């Protein structure tokens, strides 16, 4: 299936693995795919999320709050004049990815991280969405359509909790994919 992935979609998967490692997850799940899409930043999937004003920092905060990857309160720190994102960037530059994560003190998992059940379902659904649209490739838009269609993972939950209407996001993605193909 991965031979059908566009360069941007492959970048999402690579970034998802990095996100899973950063959050010390045992497998790649829907939230890692979402973060990977926001961080990789290319193609219709990322564009549709930007158009819906999905804020990567806010989504990351919500995800970390659920999976336990971050006990730091950015709002409380901001009242003291501390920018948590800047502190995280500087700390990770000096000490490596996940240096501020308190979920686990063991080192991040090395090597390949497998896909979890829901992430596998997203990949399967992204292939189905691609075929349904008559495409012979899987791009970031197809991945996002798969995430939306799966609908029960943490990615869908944090999007909805952030005020993103999934049906409208789906319509946006299909419109962007169609305009890209034209």
Protein backbone atom coordinates (compact mmCIF):
# COMPACT_ATOMS: atom_id res chain seq x y z
CA UNK A 1 0.00 0.00 0.00
CA UNK A 2 2.81 2.46 0.84
CA UNK A 3 3.97 2.46 -2.77
CA UNK A 4 0.76 4.42 -3.53
CA UNK A 5 1.62 7.14 -1.00
CA UNK A 6 2.62 10.55 -2.31
CA UNK A 7 5.76 12.22 -1.01
CA UNK A 8 3.64 14.37 1.35
CA UNK A 9 1.70 11.35 2.66
CA UNK A 10 4.95 9.49 3.34
CA UNK A 11 6.22 12.53 5.23
CA UNK A 12 3.07 12.39 7.38
CA UNK A 13 3.75 8.74 8.27
CA UNK A 14 7.40 9.45 9.06
CA UNK A 15 6.39 12.41 11.22
CA UNK A 16 3.68 10.29 12.91
CA UNK A 17 6.35 7.80 13.92
CA UNK A 18 8.42 10.66 15.35
CA UNK A 19 5.38 11.93 17.25
CA UNK A 20 4.69 8.46 18.68
CA UNK A 21 8.32 8.23 19.75
CA UNK A 22 8.19 11.73 21.28
CA UNK A 23 5.09 10.82 23.28
CA UNK A 24 6.68 7.45 24.17
CA UNK A 25 3.75 5.55 22.68
CA UNK A 26 4.09 1.82 22.05
CA UNK A 27 2.48 2.20 18.60
CA UNK A 28 1.41 4.81 16.05
CA UNK A 29 -2.22 5.78 16.54
CA UNK A 30 -4.66 8.27 15.01
CA UNK A 31 -3.40 11.19 17.11
CA UNK A 32 0.13 10.66 15.82
CA UNK A 33 -1.13 10.65 12.22
CA UNK A 34 -2.98 13.91 12.89
CA UNK A 35 0.06 15.53 14.48
CA UNK A 36 2.20 14.22 11.64
CA UNK A 37 -0.13 15.82 9.13
CA UNK A 38 -0.08 19.15 10.94
CA UNK A 39 3.70 19.09 11.32
CA UNK A 40 4.57 17.80 7.83
CA UNK A 41 2.33 20.56 6.49
CA UNK A 42 1.85 19.55 2.86
CA UNK A 43 -0.99 18.59 0.57
CA UNK A 44 -4.76 18.94 0.76
CA UNK A 45 -5.06 17.26 4.18
CA UNK A 46 -2.84 19.80 5.91
CA UNK A 47 -4.41 22.64 3.90
CA UNK A 48 -7.93 21.64 4.96
CA UNK A 49 -6.85 21.57 8.61
CA UNK A 50 -5.29 25.03 8.26
CA UNK A 51 -8.44 26.31 6.53
CA UNK A 52 -10.48 25.08 9.51
CA UNK A 53 -7.99 26.86 11.80
CA UNK A 54 -6.89 23.66 13.51
CA UNK A 55 -4.10 24.96 15.73
CA UNK A 56 -1.23 22.45 15.95
CA UNK A 57 -0.14 23.67 19.41
CA UNK A 58 -3.69 23.44 20.78
CA UNK A 59 -4.24 19.97 19.31
CA UNK A 60 -0.87 18.81 20.64
CA UNK A 61 -1.82 20.14 24.10
CA UNK A 62 -5.17 18.34 24.01
CA UNK A 63 -3.56 15.09 22.86
CA UNK A 64 -0.83 15.29 25.48
CA UNK A 65 -3.50 15.94 28.11
CA UNK A 66 -5.22 12.69 27.19
CA UNK A 67 -2.19 10.45 26.68
CA UNK A 68 -0.24 11.96 29.56
CA UNK A 69 2.70 13.23 27.59
CA UNK A 70 2.75 16.71 29.09
CA UNK A 71 1.94 17.90 32.61
CA UNK A 72 2.99 21.48 31.90
CA UNK A 73 0.23 24.10 31.70
CA UNK A 74 1.06 26.53 28.87
CA UNK A 75 -1.55 29.08 30.02
CA UNK A 76 -0.21 29.17 33.57
CA UNK A 77 3.34 29.53 32.31
CA UNK A 78 2.27 32.31 29.90
CA UNK A 79 1.01 34.38 32.85
CA UNK A 80 4.61 34.29 34.09
CA UNK A 81 5.92 35.35 30.68
CA UNK A 82 7.15 31.87 29.76
CA UNK A 83 6.47 30.55 26.25
CA UNK A 84 6.25 26.76 26.68
CA UNK A 85 6.73 26.08 22.96
CA UNK A 86 9.96 28.10 22.97
CA UNK A 87 11.18 26.38 26.14
CA UNK A 88 10.36 22.99 24.59
CA UNK A 89 12.23 23.84 21.35
CA UNK A 90 15.32 25.01 23.25
CA UNK A 91 15.25 22.05 25.63
CA UNK A 92 14.82 19.51 22.84
CA UNK A 93 17.60 21.16 20.85
CA UNK A 94 19.91 20.72 23.82
CA UNK A 95 18.72 17.38 25.24
CA UNK A 96 16.80 15.62 22.46
CA UNK A 97 13.15 15.02 21.55
CA UNK A 98 10.78 14.53 24.47
CA UNK A 99 13.18 15.92 27.08
CA UNK A 100 10.30 17.64 28.90
CA UNK A 101 7.90 14.73 28.67
CA UNK A 102 7.07 13.35 32.08
CA UNK A 103 5.06 10.35 30.96
CA UNK A 104 8.02 8.09 31.21
CA UNK A 105 11.64 8.46 32.19
CA UNK A 106 12.72 5.58 29.99
CA UNK A 107 14.30 6.60 26.69
CA UNK A 108 12.06 6.90 23.63
CA UNK A 109 11.58 3.71 21.66
CA UNK A 110 14.18 3.26 18.94
CA UNK A 111 13.68 1.76 15.50
CA UNK A 112 10.37 0.93 13.88
CA UNK A 113 7.17 1.69 15.78
CA UNK A 114 4.21 -0.42 14.61
CA UNK A 115 0.80 0.92 13.66
CA UNK A 116 -1.99 0.44 16.17
CA UNK A 117 -5.40 -1.01 15.29
CA UNK A 118 -7.08 2.38 14.68
CA UNK A 119 -4.16 3.75 12.64
CA UNK A 120 -4.23 0.62 10.47
CA UNK A 121 -7.95 1.22 9.96
CA UNK A 122 -7.21 4.84 8.93
CA UNK A 123 -4.68 3.61 6.36
CA UNK A 124 -7.18 1.08 4.99
CA UNK A 125 -9.91 3.74 4.82
CA UNK A 126 -7.55 6.19 3.10
CA UNK A 127 -6.97 3.59 0.38
CA UNK A 128 -10.73 3.09 0.04
CA UNK A 129 -11.28 6.86 -0.17
CA UNK A 130 -8.62 7.12 -2.87
CA UNK A 131 -10.22 4.33 -4.90
CA UNK A 132 -13.70 5.80 -4.38
CA UNK A 133 -12.48 9.08 -5.84
CA UNK A 134 -10.89 7.25 -8.79
CA UNK A 135 -7.30 7.98 -7.78
CA UNK A 136 -4.31 5.67 -8.02
CA UNK A 137 -2.39 7.34 -5.18
CA UNK A 138 -2.88 8.10 -1.50
CA UNK A 139 -2.20 11.69 -0.52
CA UNK A 140 -2.61 13.67 2.66
CA UNK A 141 -6.21 14.41 1.75
CA UNK A 142 -6.98 10.71 1.54
CA UNK A 143 -5.27 10.17 4.90
CA UNK A 144 -7.40 12.90 6.48
CA UNK A 145 -10.54 11.43 4.91
CA UNK A 146 -9.54 8.10 6.47
CA UNK A 147 -9.05 9.77 9.87
CA UNK A 148 -12.46 11.42 9.61
CA UNK A 149 -14.18 8.25 8.45
CA UNK A 150 -12.60 6.18 11.24
CA UNK A 151 -14.10 8.78 13.55
CA UNK A 152 -13.57 7.09 16.92
CA UNK A 153 -9.88 7.64 17.57
CA UNK A 154 -8.29 10.36 19.63
CA UNK A 155 -7.58 12.41 16.49
CA UNK A 156 -11.28 12.77 15.66
CA UNK A 157 -12.11 13.47 19.30
CA UNK A 158 -9.60 16.32 19.69
CA UNK A 159 -10.66 17.84 16.38
CA UNK A 160 -14.30 17.86 17.48
CA UNK A 161 -13.35 19.15 20.95
CA UNK A 162 -11.42 21.95 19.24
CA UNK A 163 -14.54 23.03 17.37
CA UNK A 164 -13.80 21.40 14.01
CA UNK A 165 -16.94 20.01 12.38
CA UNK A 166 -15.87 16.72 10.80
CA UNK A 167 -18.53 16.73 8.04
CA UNK A 168 -17.48 20.21 6.94
CA UNK A 169 -13.80 19.21 7.11
CA UNK A 170 -14.59 16.20 4.92
CA UNK A 171 -16.29 18.45 2.36
CA UNK A 172 -13.27 20.79 2.40
CA UNK A 173 -10.85 17.91 1.81
CA UNK A 174 -12.86 16.53 -1.10
CA UNK A 175 -13.06 20.01 -2.65
CA UNK A 176 -9.30 20.51 -2.29
CA UNK A 177 -8.50 17.08 -3.71
CA UNK A 178 -10.84 17.69 -6.65
CA UNK A 179 -9.34 21.10 -7.41
CA UNK A 180 -5.85 19.61 -7.19
CA UNK A 181 -6.75 16.91 -9.73
CA UNK A 182 -8.27 19.43 -12.17
